[in-house]
């Protein structure tokens, strides 16, 4: 494993920001395989126990941008779901008599937030309000590919389930490798 012990490190790992994310991936695989762990929290706890505070900070700084991307992604999704004002997202009206004023206030607040949302395009991260047709086509194509990847993974799990039923076995490990490959599972 490329994570090498270092005399500078009391836990056996020497991290730099440039290699932190690669080393975390390697540590996850190593710990998962050697300890037969599956719960991400347990794997993270084990990694954490092997690192110094300084190494944890380097990893945190290297991985934080990914977490920020995830949060921005949730915001982008919310832009097209829950954050829409009632007059856009719902045709039912069960609110109190002061509905016009509250709807107008929500709409005024919603739009500036909507166009400020960060989205990733071929040009990098930009505000949704600055997107062109080309940018939106790129975003749409990217999301479609991501969705297809998830659908493909779901189909593989369905195929595995079908194999369990077909061969009347309890667990995937009881299946023959040839049967799994014949089902097109990678």
Protein backbone atom coordinates (compact mmCIF):
# COMPACT_ATOMS: atom_id res chain seq x y z
CA UNK A 1 0.00 0.00 0.00
CA UNK A 2 1.49 3.39 -1.01
CA UNK A 3 0.75 5.00 2.35
CA UNK A 4 4.17 4.70 3.87
CA UNK A 5 5.16 4.83 7.51
CA UNK A 6 7.11 7.93 8.41
CA UNK A 7 9.29 8.70 11.39
CA UNK A 8 7.49 12.06 11.53
CA UNK A 9 4.17 10.37 12.22
CA UNK A 10 3.27 8.57 15.41
CA UNK A 11 0.42 6.71 13.70
CA UNK A 12 2.36 5.47 10.65
CA UNK A 13 0.99 7.82 7.96
CA UNK A 14 2.54 11.03 6.63
CA UNK A 15 0.07 13.22 4.76
CA UNK A 16 0.40 16.17 2.47
CA UNK A 17 -2.55 18.03 0.95
CA UNK A 18 -1.57 16.85 -2.53
CA UNK A 19 -1.94 13.18 -1.68
CA UNK A 20 -4.50 13.27 1.12
CA UNK A 21 -7.53 12.31 -0.96
CA UNK A 22 -5.69 9.44 -2.67
CA UNK A 23 -4.41 8.18 0.67
CA UNK A 24 -7.88 8.33 2.21
CA UNK A 25 -9.19 6.18 -0.65
CA UNK A 26 -6.38 3.69 -0.12
CA UNK A 27 -6.94 3.65 3.63
CA UNK A 28 -10.67 3.03 3.15
CA UNK A 29 -9.98 0.07 0.85
CA UNK A 30 -7.27 -1.32 3.14
CA UNK A 31 -9.34 -1.06 6.32
CA UNK A 32 -12.51 -2.34 4.67
CA UNK A 33 -10.70 -5.39 3.31
CA UNK A 34 -8.46 -6.15 6.29
CA UNK A 35 -11.12 -5.63 8.95
CA UNK A 36 -14.18 -6.69 6.93
CA UNK A 37 -16.02 -3.47 7.83
CA UNK A 38 -18.94 -2.14 5.78
CA UNK A 39 -20.38 0.76 7.76
CA UNK A 40 -18.77 4.03 6.58
CA UNK A 41 -18.81 5.37 10.14
CA UNK A 42 -16.85 2.39 11.46
CA UNK A 43 -14.30 2.72 8.64
CA UNK A 44 -13.98 6.47 9.30
CA UNK A 45 -13.50 5.84 13.02
CA UNK A 46 -10.73 3.34 12.31
CA UNK A 47 -8.99 5.73 9.91
CA UNK A 48 -9.28 8.52 12.44
CA UNK A 49 -7.72 6.37 15.15
CA UNK A 50 -4.64 5.85 12.96
CA UNK A 51 -4.01 9.54 12.22
CA UNK A 52 -2.45 12.38 14.16
CA UNK A 53 -4.37 15.63 14.62
CA UNK A 54 -2.15 17.27 12.00
CA UNK A 55 -2.89 14.53 9.48
CA UNK A 56 -6.62 14.80 10.21
CA UNK A 57 -6.45 18.52 9.47
CA UNK A 58 -4.69 17.93 6.14
CA UNK A 59 -7.33 15.39 5.15
CA UNK A 60 -10.15 17.67 6.29
CA UNK A 61 -8.78 20.54 4.18
CA UNK A 62 -8.40 18.25 1.16
CA UNK A 63 -11.88 16.73 1.44
CA UNK A 64 -13.82 19.86 2.46
CA UNK A 65 -14.30 21.10 -1.13
CA UNK A 66 -16.11 17.84 -1.99
CA UNK A 67 -18.48 18.31 0.93
CA UNK A 68 -19.09 21.90 -0.15
CA UNK A 69 -19.94 20.59 -3.66
CA UNK A 70 -22.42 18.15 -2.11
CA UNK A 71 -24.11 20.92 -0.12
CA UNK A 72 -24.30 23.12 -3.23
CA UNK A 73 -25.79 20.16 -5.10
CA UNK A 74 -28.52 19.82 -2.49
CA UNK A 75 -29.21 23.54 -2.84
CA UNK A 76 -29.44 23.19 -6.61
CA UNK A 77 -31.93 20.36 -6.23
CA UNK A 78 -33.95 22.40 -3.77
CA UNK A 79 -34.01 25.24 -6.28
CA UNK A 80 -36.22 23.13 -8.49
CA UNK A 81 -38.22 21.48 -5.70
CA UNK A 82 -39.15 22.82 -2.30
CA UNK A 83 -37.96 26.39 -2.70
CA UNK A 84 -40.38 27.28 -5.45
CA UNK A 85 -43.05 29.77 -4.37
CA UNK A 86 -46.60 28.44 -4.11
CA UNK A 87 -47.77 30.10 -7.30
CA UNK A 88 -45.14 28.11 -9.21
CA UNK A 89 -45.15 24.78 -7.38
CA UNK A 90 -48.76 24.30 -6.33
CA UNK A 91 -52.23 24.95 -7.69
CA UNK A 92 -54.06 24.41 -4.41
CA UNK A 93 -54.84 27.34 -2.17
CA UNK A 94 -55.44 26.51 1.49
CA UNK A 95 -53.68 29.52 3.01
CA UNK A 96 -55.17 32.30 5.11
CA UNK A 97 -56.70 35.47 3.65
CA UNK A 98 -53.35 37.34 3.69
CA UNK A 99 -52.10 34.91 1.03
CA UNK A 100 -51.41 37.50 -1.67
CA UNK A 101 -48.96 39.46 0.45
CA UNK A 102 -47.12 36.40 1.78
CA UNK A 103 -46.89 34.84 -1.68
CA UNK A 104 -45.54 38.04 -3.13
CA UNK A 105 -42.98 38.33 -0.34
CA UNK A 106 -41.88 34.71 -0.84
CA UNK A 107 -41.62 35.21 -4.59
CA UNK A 108 -39.50 38.34 -4.14
CA UNK A 109 -37.17 36.44 -1.79
CA UNK A 110 -37.12 33.30 -3.92
CA UNK A 111 -35.94 34.74 -7.23
CA UNK A 112 -32.70 36.40 -6.04
CA UNK A 113 -31.77 33.19 -4.22
CA UNK A 114 -32.68 31.13 -7.29
CA UNK A 115 -30.35 33.01 -9.65
CA UNK A 116 -27.49 33.06 -7.09
CA UNK A 117 -27.32 29.25 -6.88
CA UNK A 118 -23.93 27.85 -7.85
CA UNK A 119 -23.82 25.38 -10.73
CA UNK A 120 -20.93 23.64 -12.43
CA UNK A 121 -20.50 24.24 -16.16
CA UNK A 122 -17.74 23.72 -18.72
CA UNK A 123 -16.46 27.11 -17.58
CA UNK A 124 -16.34 26.04 -13.93
CA UNK A 125 -18.58 27.15 -11.06
CA UNK A 126 -20.90 30.05 -11.89
CA UNK A 127 -24.18 31.51 -10.67
CA UNK A 128 -27.31 29.99 -12.21
CA UNK A 129 -28.35 33.49 -13.27
CA UNK A 130 -25.24 33.72 -15.47
CA UNK A 131 -25.96 30.49 -17.36
CA UNK A 132 -26.36 30.49 -21.12
CA UNK A 133 -28.17 27.92 -23.26
CA UNK A 134 -24.85 26.10 -23.72
CA UNK A 135 -24.26 26.06 -19.95
CA UNK A 136 -27.72 24.68 -19.25
CA UNK A 137 -27.30 22.02 -21.94
CA UNK A 138 -24.01 20.97 -20.30
CA UNK A 139 -25.65 20.83 -16.86
CA UNK A 140 -28.60 18.86 -18.19
CA UNK A 141 -26.35 16.37 -19.99
CA UNK A 142 -24.18 15.94 -16.89
CA UNK A 143 -27.22 15.30 -14.67
CA UNK A 144 -28.64 12.85 -17.20
CA UNK A 145 -25.37 10.89 -17.20
CA UNK A 146 -25.32 10.87 -13.38
CA UNK A 147 -28.91 9.65 -13.28
CA UNK A 148 -28.15 6.91 -15.81
CA UNK A 149 -25.20 5.74 -13.71
CA UNK A 150 -27.53 5.38 -10.72
CA UNK A 151 -30.14 3.58 -12.81
CA UNK A 152 -27.48 1.17 -14.12
CA UNK A 153 -26.34 0.43 -10.56
CA UNK A 154 -29.94 -0.19 -9.49
CA UNK A 155 -30.40 -2.57 -12.43
CA UNK A 156 -27.34 -4.56 -11.31
CA UNK A 157 -28.78 -4.92 -7.80
CA UNK A 158 -32.08 -6.07 -9.30
CA UNK A 159 -30.19 -8.63 -11.38
CA UNK A 160 -28.42 -9.92 -8.29
CA UNK A 161 -31.75 -10.21 -6.49
CA UNK A 162 -33.14 -12.15 -9.45
CA UNK A 163 -30.14 -14.51 -9.35
CA UNK A 164 -30.70 -15.19 -5.65
CA UNK A 165 -34.28 -16.15 -6.39
CA UNK A 166 -33.40 -18.17 -9.52
CA UNK A 167 -30.75 -20.25 -7.77
CA UNK A 168 -32.63 -20.38 -4.45
CA UNK A 169 -29.74 -19.10 -2.34
CA UNK A 170 -29.72 -16.73 0.62
CA UNK A 171 -26.70 -14.51 -0.07
CA UNK A 172 -24.81 -13.15 -3.06
CA UNK A 173 -21.64 -14.91 -1.93
CA UNK A 174 -23.38 -18.24 -2.58
CA UNK A 175 -23.77 -17.43 -6.28
CA UNK A 176 -21.27 -18.73 -8.84
CA UNK A 177 -19.03 -16.08 -10.34
CA UNK A 178 -19.88 -17.36 -13.84
CA UNK A 179 -23.61 -16.85 -13.23
CA UNK A 180 -23.02 -13.30 -12.04
CA UNK A 181 -20.87 -12.50 -15.08
CA UNK A 182 -23.41 -14.16 -17.42
CA UNK A 183 -26.05 -11.80 -16.02
CA UNK A 184 -23.91 -8.88 -17.20
CA UNK A 185 -22.96 -7.72 -13.72
CA UNK A 186 -19.56 -6.06 -13.52
